[in-house]
Amino acid sequence: MANSVNGATTCTRNADGSGWAHIRDNHVINPSGNQFLISGSEYADESRIQNLILEGAKNG
């Protein structure tokens, strides 16, 4: 476990990964739960999370 910027402990199972593998391991299926659910229950679906990330990368 490592400390995040805000002081909360976070999972670092895929600390060396990148891209979707890193996001999925550290923010979707981490022991604390899916961190995207704070934005709505539709983000229980991994494909919706991927679309959100791709749209953000595409449109800023």
PDB file of N, CA and C in Angstrom:
ATOM      1  N   MET A   1       0.839  -1.178   0.000  1.00  0.00           N
ATOM      2  CA  MET A   1       0.000   0.000   0.000  1.00  0.00           C
ATOM      3  C   MET A   1       0.885   1.243   0.000  1.00  0.00           C
ATOM      4  N   ALA A   2       0.378   2.279  -0.615  1.00  0.00           N
ATOM      5  CA  ALA A   2       1.103   3.546  -0.678  1.00  0.00           C
ATOM      6  C   ALA A   2       0.155   4.671  -0.320  1.00  0.00           C
ATOM      7  N   ASN A   3       0.708   5.785   0.086  1.00  0.00           N
ATOM      8  CA  ASN A   3      -0.130   6.932   0.410  1.00  0.00           C
ATOM      9  C   ASN A   3      -0.361   7.775  -0.832  1.00  0.00           C
ATOM     10  N   SER A   4      -1.591   8.198  -1.032  1.00  0.00           N
ATOM     11  CA  SER A   4      -1.917   9.067  -2.146  1.00  0.00           C
ATOM     12  C   SER A   4      -1.657  10.507  -1.734  1.00  0.00           C
ATOM     13  N   VAL A   5      -1.877  11.405  -2.655  1.00  0.00           N
ATOM     14  CA  VAL A   5      -1.644  12.822  -2.393  1.00  0.00           C
ATOM     15  C   VAL A   5      -2.481  13.314  -1.224  1.00  0.00           C
ATOM     16  N   ASN A   6      -3.731  12.821  -1.136  1.00  0.00           N
ATOM     17  CA  ASN A   6      -4.610  13.297  -0.067  1.00  0.00           C
ATOM     18  C   ASN A   6      -4.440  12.525   1.234  1.00  0.00           C
ATOM     19  N   GLY A   7      -3.464  11.603   1.303  1.00  0.00           N
ATOM     20  CA  GLY A   7      -3.177  10.892   2.534  1.00  0.00           C
ATOM     21  C   GLY A   7      -3.900   9.569   2.682  1.00  0.00           C
ATOM     22  N   ALA A   8      -4.822   9.237   1.794  1.00  0.00           N
ATOM     23  CA  ALA A   8      -5.525   7.969   1.878  1.00  0.00           C
ATOM     24  C   ALA A   8      -4.627   6.857   1.355  1.00  0.00           C
ATOM     25  N   THR A   9      -4.798   5.672   1.896  1.00  0.00           N
ATOM     26  CA  THR A   9      -4.022   4.558   1.371  1.00  0.00           C
ATOM     27  C   THR A   9      -4.670   4.068   0.091  1.00  0.00           C
ATOM     28  N   THR A  10      -3.849   3.688  -0.854  1.00  0.00           N
ATOM     29  CA  THR A  10      -4.336   3.224  -2.144  1.00  0.00           C
ATOM     30  C   THR A  10      -3.646   1.925  -2.508  1.00  0.00           C
ATOM     31  N   CYS A  11      -4.259   1.149  -3.346  1.00  0.00           N
ATOM     32  CA  CYS A  11      -3.702  -0.101  -3.824  1.00  0.00           C
ATOM     33  C   CYS A  11      -2.673   0.189  -4.908  1.00  0.00           C
ATOM     34  N   THR A  12      -1.535  -0.488  -4.876  1.00  0.00           N
ATOM     35  CA  THR A  12      -0.521  -0.293  -5.905  1.00  0.00           C
ATOM     36  C   THR A  12      -0.159  -1.625  -6.552  1.00  0.00           C
ATOM     37  N   ARG A  13      -1.151  -2.472  -6.801  1.00  0.00           N
ATOM     38  CA  ARG A  13      -0.887  -3.789  -7.386  1.00  0.00           C
ATOM     39  C   ARG A  13      -0.205  -3.682  -8.735  1.00  0.00           C
ATOM     40  N   ASN A  14      -0.515  -2.682  -9.512  1.00  0.00           N
ATOM     41  CA  ASN A  14       0.028  -2.556 -10.851  1.00  0.00           C
ATOM     42  C   ASN A  14       0.786  -1.238 -10.968  1.00  0.00           C
ATOM     43  N   ALA A  15       1.657  -0.986 -10.017  1.00  0.00           N
ATOM     44  CA  ALA A  15       2.359   0.293  -9.971  1.00  0.00           C
ATOM     45  C   ALA A  15       3.206   0.537 -11.217  1.00  0.00           C
ATOM     46  N   ASP A  16       3.697  -0.523 -11.846  1.00  0.00           N
ATOM     47  CA  ASP A  16       4.552  -0.356 -13.015  1.00  0.00           C
ATOM     48  C   ASP A  16       3.777  -0.429 -14.320  1.00  0.00           C
ATOM     49  N   GLY A  17       2.500  -0.709 -14.263  1.00  0.00           N
ATOM     50  CA  GLY A  17       1.704  -0.830 -15.476  1.00  0.00           C
ATOM     51  C   GLY A  17       1.389   0.524 -16.080  1.00  0.00           C
ATOM     52  N   SER A  18       0.739   0.468 -17.224  1.00  0.00           N
ATOM     53  CA  SER A  18       0.336   1.706 -17.862  1.00  0.00           C
ATOM     54  C   SER A  18      -0.965   1.480 -18.611  1.00  0.00           C
ATOM     55  N   GLY A  19      -1.569   2.555 -19.057  1.00  0.00           N
ATOM     56  CA  GLY A  19      -2.791   2.451 -19.841  1.00  0.00           C
ATOM     57  C   GLY A  19      -3.944   1.821 -19.082  1.00  0.00           C
ATOM     58  N   TRP A  20      -4.785   1.112 -19.829  1.00  0.00           N
ATOM     59  CA  TRP A  20      -5.986   0.524 -19.249  1.00  0.00           C
ATOM     60  C   TRP A  20      -5.666  -0.471 -18.149  1.00  0.00           C
ATOM     61  N   ALA A  21      -4.603  -1.269 -18.296  1.00  0.00           N
ATOM     62  CA  ALA A  21      -4.251  -2.257 -17.262  1.00  0.00           C
ATOM     63  C   ALA A  21      -4.006  -1.566 -15.930  1.00  0.00           C
ATOM     64  N   HIS A  22      -3.293  -0.459 -15.941  1.00  0.00           N
ATOM     65  CA  HIS A  22      -3.032   0.293 -14.710  1.00  0.00           C
ATOM     66  C   HIS A  22      -4.331   0.866 -14.130  1.00  0.00           C
ATOM     67  N   ILE A  23      -5.127   1.485 -14.978  1.00  0.00           N
ATOM     68  CA  ILE A  23      -6.381   2.086 -14.510  1.00  0.00           C
ATOM     69  C   ILE A  23      -7.291   1.019 -13.932  1.00  0.00           C
ATOM     70  N   ARG A  24      -7.450  -0.094 -14.636  1.00  0.00           N
ATOM     71  CA  ARG A  24      -8.338  -1.170 -14.175  1.00  0.00           C
ATOM     72  C   ARG A  24      -7.857  -1.739 -12.836  1.00  0.00           C
ATOM     73  N   ASP A  25      -6.564  -2.083 -12.756  1.00  0.00           N
ATOM     74  CA  ASP A  25      -6.035  -2.695 -11.539  1.00  0.00           C
ATOM     75  C   ASP A  25      -6.048  -1.757 -10.345  1.00  0.00           C
ATOM     76  N   ASN A  26      -5.779  -0.495 -10.564  1.00  0.00           N
ATOM     77  CA  ASN A  26      -5.620   0.436  -9.448  1.00  0.00           C
ATOM     78  C   ASN A  26      -6.853   1.264  -9.112  1.00  0.00           C
ATOM     79  N   HIS A  27      -7.816   1.326 -10.032  1.00  0.00           N
ATOM     80  CA  HIS A  27      -8.955   2.210  -9.793  1.00  0.00           C
ATOM     81  C   HIS A  27     -10.320   1.553 -10.012  1.00  0.00           C
ATOM     82  N   VAL A  28     -10.346   0.373 -10.648  1.00  0.00           N
ATOM     83  CA  VAL A  28     -11.623  -0.292 -10.904  1.00  0.00           C
ATOM     84  C   VAL A  28     -11.774  -1.537 -10.036  1.00  0.00           C
ATOM     85  N   ILE A  29     -10.765  -2.405 -10.025  1.00  0.00           N
ATOM     86  CA  ILE A  29     -10.882  -3.658  -9.278  1.00  0.00           C
ATOM     87  C   ILE A  29      -9.966  -3.686  -8.058  1.00  0.00           C
ATOM     88  N   ASN A  30      -9.654  -2.541  -7.523  1.00  0.00           N
ATOM     89  CA  ASN A  30      -8.794  -2.499  -6.339  1.00  0.00           C
ATOM     90  C   ASN A  30      -9.574  -2.936  -5.105  1.00  0.00           C
ATOM     91  N   PRO A  31      -8.881  -3.284  -4.029  1.00  0.00           N
ATOM     92  CA  PRO A  31      -9.570  -3.761  -2.820  1.00  0.00           C
ATOM     93  C   PRO A  31     -10.564  -2.769  -2.221  1.00  0.00           C
ATOM     94  N   SER A  32     -10.376  -1.489  -2.450  1.00  0.00           N
ATOM     95  CA  SER A  32     -11.296  -0.482  -1.919  1.00  0.00           C
ATOM     96  C   SER A  32     -12.546  -0.327  -2.762  1.00  0.00           C
ATOM     97  N   GLY A  33     -12.570  -0.952  -3.918  1.00  0.00           N
ATOM     98  CA  GLY A  33     -13.736  -0.867  -4.788  1.00  0.00           C
ATOM     99  C   GLY A  33     -13.509   0.032  -5.986  1.00  0.00           C
ATOM    100  N   ASN A  34     -14.475   0.049  -6.858  1.00  0.00           N
ATOM    101  CA  ASN A  34     -14.435   0.822  -8.092  1.00  0.00           C
ATOM    102  C   ASN A  34     -14.533   2.311  -7.757  1.00  0.00           C
ATOM    103  N   GLN A  35     -13.471   3.039  -7.990  1.00  0.00           N
ATOM    104  CA  GLN A  35     -13.434   4.458  -7.652  1.00  0.00           C
ATOM    105  C   GLN A  35     -14.248   5.319  -8.611  1.00  0.00           C
ATOM    106  N   PHE A  36     -14.634   4.765  -9.759  1.00  0.00           N
ATOM    107  CA  PHE A  36     -15.433   5.522 -10.721  1.00  0.00           C
ATOM    108  C   PHE A  36     -16.902   5.584 -10.322  1.00  0.00           C
ATOM    109  N   LEU A  37     -17.329   4.723  -9.407  1.00  0.00           N
ATOM    110  CA  LEU A  37     -18.733   4.716  -8.987  1.00  0.00           C
ATOM    111  C   LEU A  37     -19.148   6.020  -8.316  1.00  0.00           C
ATOM    112  N   ILE A  38     -18.190   6.796  -7.850  1.00  0.00           N
ATOM    113  CA  ILE A  38     -18.511   8.093  -7.255  1.00  0.00           C
ATOM    114  C   ILE A  38     -19.183   9.008  -8.280  1.00  0.00           C
ATOM    115  N   SER A  39     -18.932   8.731  -9.569  1.00  0.00           N
ATOM    116  CA  SER A  39     -19.512   9.539 -10.654  1.00  0.00           C
ATOM    117  C   SER A  39     -20.831   8.987 -11.167  1.00  0.00           C
ATOM    118  N   GLY A  40     -21.267   7.849 -10.644  1.00  0.00           N
ATOM    119  CA  GLY A  40     -22.550   7.296 -11.041  1.00  0.00           C
ATOM    120  C   GLY A  40     -22.505   5.787 -11.207  1.00  0.00           C
ATOM    121  N   SER A  41     -23.651   5.161 -11.010  1.00  0.00           N
ATOM    122  CA  SER A  41     -23.727   3.695 -11.061  1.00  0.00           C
ATOM    123  C   SER A  41     -23.450   3.133 -12.452  1.00  0.00           C
ATOM    124  N   GLU A  42     -23.576   3.962 -13.493  1.00  0.00           N
ATOM    125  CA  GLU A  42     -23.276   3.478 -14.841  1.00  0.00           C
ATOM    126  C   GLU A  42     -21.811   3.077 -14.987  1.00  0.00           C
ATOM    127  N   TYR A  43     -20.950   3.551 -14.079  1.00  0.00           N
ATOM    128  CA  TYR A  43     -19.534   3.220 -14.156  1.00  0.00           C
ATOM    129  C   TYR A  43     -19.197   1.911 -13.441  1.00  0.00           C
ATOM    130  N   ALA A  44     -20.217   1.115 -13.151  1.00  0.00           N
ATOM    131  CA  ALA A  44     -19.992  -0.268 -12.732  1.00  0.00           C
ATOM    132  C   ALA A  44     -19.598  -1.097 -13.950  1.00  0.00           C
ATOM    133  N   ASP A  45     -19.913  -0.597 -15.129  1.00  0.00           N
ATOM    134  CA  ASP A  45     -19.607  -1.249 -16.407  1.00  0.00           C
ATOM    135  C   ASP A  45     -18.240  -0.763 -16.895  1.00  0.00           C
ATOM    136  N   GLU A  46     -17.269  -1.681 -17.019  1.00  0.00           N
ATOM    137  CA  GLU A  46     -15.918  -1.295 -17.406  1.00  0.00           C
ATOM    138  C   GLU A  46     -15.874  -0.625 -18.779  1.00  0.00           C
ATOM    139  N   SER A  47     -16.738  -1.009 -19.686  1.00  0.00           N
ATOM    140  CA  SER A  47     -16.725  -0.382 -21.011  1.00  0.00           C
ATOM    141  C   SER A  47     -17.126   1.090 -20.921  1.00  0.00           C
ATOM    142  N   ARG A  48     -18.006   1.424 -19.981  1.00  0.00           N
ATOM    143  CA  ARG A  48     -18.379   2.835 -19.780  1.00  0.00           C
ATOM    144  C   ARG A  48     -17.194   3.634 -19.233  1.00  0.00           C
ATOM    145  N   ILE A  49     -16.404   3.002 -18.381  1.00  0.00           N
ATOM    146  CA  ILE A  49     -15.219   3.664 -17.839  1.00  0.00           C
ATOM    147  C   ILE A  49     -14.202   3.900 -18.951  1.00  0.00           C
ATOM    148  N   GLN A  50     -13.992   2.888 -19.783  1.00  0.00           N
ATOM    149  CA  GLN A  50     -13.061   3.043 -20.903  1.00  0.00           C
ATOM    150  C   GLN A  50     -13.509   4.172 -21.823  1.00  0.00           C
ATOM    151  N   ASN A  51     -14.793   4.229 -22.122  1.00  0.00           N
ATOM    152  CA  ASN A  51     -15.314   5.294 -22.979  1.00  0.00           C
ATOM    153  C   ASN A  51     -15.106   6.661 -22.345  1.00  0.00           C
ATOM    154  N   LEU A  52     -15.332   6.771 -21.047  1.00  0.00           N
ATOM    155  CA  LEU A  52     -15.116   8.028 -20.327  1.00  0.00           C
ATOM    156  C   LEU A  52     -13.670   8.478 -20.466  1.00  0.00           C
ATOM    157  N   ILE A  53     -12.738   7.559 -20.264  1.00  0.00           N
ATOM    158  CA  ILE A  53     -11.312   7.880 -20.343  1.00  0.00           C
ATOM    159  C   ILE A  53     -10.920   8.274 -21.762  1.00  0.00           C
ATOM    160  N   LEU A  54     -11.396   7.521 -22.739  1.00  0.00           N
ATOM    161  CA  LEU A  54     -11.065   7.824 -24.135  1.00  0.00           C
ATOM    162  C   LEU A  54     -11.634   9.171 -24.560  1.00  0.00           C
ATOM    163  N   GLU A  55     -12.853   9.472 -24.151  1.00  0.00           N
ATOM    164  CA  GLU A  55     -13.447  10.774 -24.455  1.00  0.00           C
ATOM    165  C   GLU A  55     -12.655  11.899 -23.811  1.00  0.00           C
ATOM    166  N   GLY A  56     -12.230  11.694 -22.562  1.00  0.00           N
ATOM    167  CA  GLY A  56     -11.430  12.702 -21.885  1.00  0.00           C
ATOM    168  C   GLY A  56     -10.094  12.933 -22.570  1.00  0.00           C
ATOM    169  N   ALA A  57      -9.470  11.851 -23.026  1.00  0.00           N
ATOM    170  CA  ALA A  57      -8.191  11.982 -23.733  1.00  0.00           C
ATOM    171  C   ALA A  57      -8.382  12.671 -25.083  1.00  0.00           C
ATOM    172  N   LYS A  58      -9.483  12.356 -25.728  1.00  0.00           N
ATOM    173  CA  LYS A  58      -9.764  12.910 -27.057  1.00  0.00           C
ATOM    174  C   LYS A  58     -10.156  14.378 -26.996  1.00  0.00           C
ATOM    175  N   ASN A  59     -11.012  14.724 -26.035  1.00  0.00           N
ATOM    176  CA  ASN A  59     -11.585  16.060 -25.976  1.00  0.00           C
ATOM    177  C   ASN A  59     -11.021  16.952 -24.870  1.00  0.00           C
ATOM    178  N   GLY A  60     -10.162  16.394 -24.060  1.00  0.00           N
ATOM    179  CA  GLY A  60      -9.536  17.186 -22.989  1.00  0.00           C
ATOM    180  C   GLY A  60     -10.371  17.353 -21.770  1.00  0.00           C
TER     181      GLY A  60
END
